[in-house]
Amino acid sequence: MTAAGNRHERHVKATDPRSTLLAHVTDLLSNEVETNAVGRSLVLDHLARILFVHVLRAHAEQTDRPAGWRGALNDNVFSPLRVTKASA
């Protein structure tokens, strides 16, 4: 199935205040990928984590499901967290 045909696909709307923040983090990631500066891998790792958390927050705010671990464990997007939570 193509990404366009994926019924679980989510987008952050341009009107969402978080979209500007996500654009900035994405720009920082893009710039860091293009450099060979010392500490590049560390910066990329942290920026990727920051982007991941903000995307999860944006998704969580767009759904009417329960918040927290209960909501995440029952969400198809977050279902891989079942393994993480079970092993913790």
C-alpha atoms as a PDB file:
ATOM      1  CA  MET A   1       0.000   0.000   0.000  1.00  0.00           C
ATOM      2  CA  THR A   2       1.329   3.438  -0.837  1.00  0.00           C
ATOM      3  CA  ALA A   3       1.715   6.149   1.762  1.00  0.00           C
ATOM      4  CA  ALA A   4      -1.162   8.063   0.171  1.00  0.00           C
ATOM      5  CA  GLY A   5      -3.382   5.006   0.557  1.00  0.00           C
ATOM      6  CA  ASN A   6      -2.454   4.407   4.192  1.00  0.00           C
ATOM      7  CA  ARG A   7      -5.544   5.135   6.252  1.00  0.00           C
ATOM      8  CA  HIS A   8      -3.404   5.629   9.385  1.00  0.00           C
ATOM      9  CA  GLU A   9      -1.365   8.421   7.837  1.00  0.00           C
ATOM     10  CA  ARG A  10      -1.444  11.643   9.848  1.00  0.00           C
ATOM     11  CA  HIS A  11      -0.332  15.167   9.043  1.00  0.00           C
ATOM     12  CA  VAL A  12       0.406  18.196  11.150  1.00  0.00           C
ATOM     13  CA  LYS A  13      -1.759  20.961   9.776  1.00  0.00           C
ATOM     14  CA  ALA A  14      -0.088  24.212   8.717  1.00  0.00           C
ATOM     15  CA  THR A  15      -2.407  26.034  11.113  1.00  0.00           C
ATOM     16  CA  ASP A  16      -1.136  23.954  14.050  1.00  0.00           C
ATOM     17  CA  PRO A  17       1.188  26.124  16.169  1.00  0.00           C
ATOM     18  CA  ARG A  18       3.541  23.141  16.362  1.00  0.00           C
ATOM     19  CA  SER A  19       4.090  23.179  12.576  1.00  0.00           C
ATOM     20  CA  THR A  20       6.531  26.092  12.854  1.00  0.00           C
ATOM     21  CA  LEU A  21       8.494  24.286  15.548  1.00  0.00           C
ATOM     22  CA  LEU A  22       8.584  21.093  13.476  1.00  0.00           C
ATOM     23  CA  ALA A  23       9.786  23.075  10.459  1.00  0.00           C
ATOM     24  CA  HIS A  24      12.637  24.569  12.510  1.00  0.00           C
ATOM     25  CA  VAL A  25      13.729  21.191  13.874  1.00  0.00           C
ATOM     26  CA  THR A  26      13.529  19.708  10.368  1.00  0.00           C
ATOM     27  CA  ASP A  27      15.675  22.563   9.035  1.00  0.00           C
ATOM     28  CA  LEU A  28      18.228  22.005  11.801  1.00  0.00           C
ATOM     29  CA  LEU A  29      18.315  18.279  10.971  1.00  0.00           C
ATOM     30  CA  SER A  30      18.758  19.009   7.281  1.00  0.00           C
ATOM     31  CA  ASN A  31      21.608  21.445   7.920  1.00  0.00           C
ATOM     32  CA  GLU A  32      23.334  19.045  10.283  1.00  0.00           C
ATOM     33  CA  VAL A  33      23.130  16.194   7.761  1.00  0.00           C
ATOM     34  CA  GLU A  34      24.938  18.375   5.230  1.00  0.00           C
ATOM     35  CA  THR A  35      27.845  19.223   7.546  1.00  0.00           C
ATOM     36  CA  ASN A  36      30.865  17.290   8.696  1.00  0.00           C
ATOM     37  CA  ALA A  37      31.214  19.204  11.959  1.00  0.00           C
ATOM     38  CA  VAL A  38      32.540  17.677  15.144  1.00  0.00           C
ATOM     39  CA  GLY A  39      29.679  16.246  17.196  1.00  0.00           C
ATOM     40  CA  ARG A  40      27.455  15.807  14.144  1.00  0.00           C
ATOM     41  CA  SER A  41      26.191  12.362  15.138  1.00  0.00           C
ATOM     42  CA  LEU A  42      25.371  13.539  18.666  1.00  0.00           C
ATOM     43  CA  VAL A  43      23.433  16.549  17.368  1.00  0.00           C
ATOM     44  CA  LEU A  44      21.592  14.407  14.798  1.00  0.00           C
ATOM     45  CA  ASP A  45      20.649  11.904  17.501  1.00  0.00           C
ATOM     46  CA  HIS A  46      19.241  14.594  19.768  1.00  0.00           C
ATOM     47  CA  LEU A  47      17.406  16.437  16.995  1.00  0.00           C
ATOM     48  CA  ALA A  48      15.848  13.177  15.784  1.00  0.00           C
ATOM     49  CA  ARG A  49      14.606  12.450  19.305  1.00  0.00           C
ATOM     50  CA  ILE A  50      13.214  15.969  19.666  1.00  0.00           C
ATOM     51  CA  LEU A  51      11.437  15.692  16.316  1.00  0.00           C
ATOM     52  CA  PHE A  52      10.037  12.274  17.282  1.00  0.00           C
ATOM     53  CA  VAL A  53       8.607  13.559  20.571  1.00  0.00           C
ATOM     54  CA  HIS A  54       7.003  16.593  18.922  1.00  0.00           C
ATOM     55  CA  VAL A  55       5.460  14.466  16.184  1.00  0.00           C
ATOM     56  CA  LEU A  56       4.034  12.114  18.836  1.00  0.00           C
ATOM     57  CA  ARG A  57       2.633  15.100  20.738  1.00  0.00           C
ATOM     58  CA  ALA A  58       1.047  16.511  17.586  1.00  0.00           C
ATOM     59  CA  HIS A  59      -0.528  13.143  16.815  1.00  0.00           C
ATOM     60  CA  ALA A  60      -1.806  12.721  20.370  1.00  0.00           C
ATOM     61  CA  GLU A  61      -3.452  16.155  20.247  1.00  0.00           C
ATOM     62  CA  GLN A  62      -5.259  15.292  16.994  1.00  0.00           C
ATOM     63  CA  THR A  63      -6.988  12.210  18.352  1.00  0.00           C
ATOM     64  CA  ASP A  64      -9.996  11.774  20.614  1.00  0.00           C
ATOM     65  CA  ARG A  65      -8.572   8.652  22.250  1.00  0.00           C
ATOM     66  CA  PRO A  66      -7.438   8.481  25.885  1.00  0.00           C
ATOM     67  CA  ALA A  67      -4.128  10.153  26.712  1.00  0.00           C
ATOM     68  CA  GLY A  68      -1.089   8.596  28.355  1.00  0.00           C
ATOM     69  CA  TRP A  69       0.091   5.012  28.189  1.00  0.00           C
ATOM     70  CA  ARG A  70      -3.451   3.618  27.952  1.00  0.00           C
ATOM     71  CA  GLY A  71      -4.185   5.636  24.854  1.00  0.00           C
ATOM     72  CA  ALA A  72      -0.785   4.913  23.321  1.00  0.00           C
ATOM     73  CA  LEU A  73      -1.071   1.177  23.824  1.00  0.00           C
ATOM     74  CA  ASN A  74      -4.389   1.093  21.972  1.00  0.00           C
ATOM     75  CA  ASP A  75      -3.293   3.353  19.108  1.00  0.00           C
ATOM     76  CA  ASN A  76      -2.074   1.746  15.872  1.00  0.00           C
ATOM     77  CA  VAL A  77       0.552   4.451  15.416  1.00  0.00           C
ATOM     78  CA  PHE A  78       1.962   3.885  18.898  1.00  0.00           C
ATOM     79  CA  SER A  79       1.421   0.108  19.074  1.00  0.00           C
ATOM     80  CA  PRO A  80       5.198  -0.617  19.006  1.00  0.00           C
ATOM     81  CA  LEU A  81       5.241   0.968  22.465  1.00  0.00           C
ATOM     82  CA  ARG A  82       3.470  -2.160  23.778  1.00  0.00           C
ATOM     83  CA  VAL A  83       6.777  -4.025  23.606  1.00  0.00           C
ATOM     84  CA  THR A  84       8.686  -1.146  25.219  1.00  0.00           C
ATOM     85  CA  LYS A  85       6.205  -0.779  28.085  1.00  0.00           C
ATOM     86  CA  ALA A  86       5.950  -4.544  28.624  1.00  0.00           C
ATOM     87  CA  SER A  87       9.722  -4.876  28.938  1.00  0.00           C
ATOM     88  CA  ALA A  88      10.070  -1.931  31.335  1.00  0.00           C
END
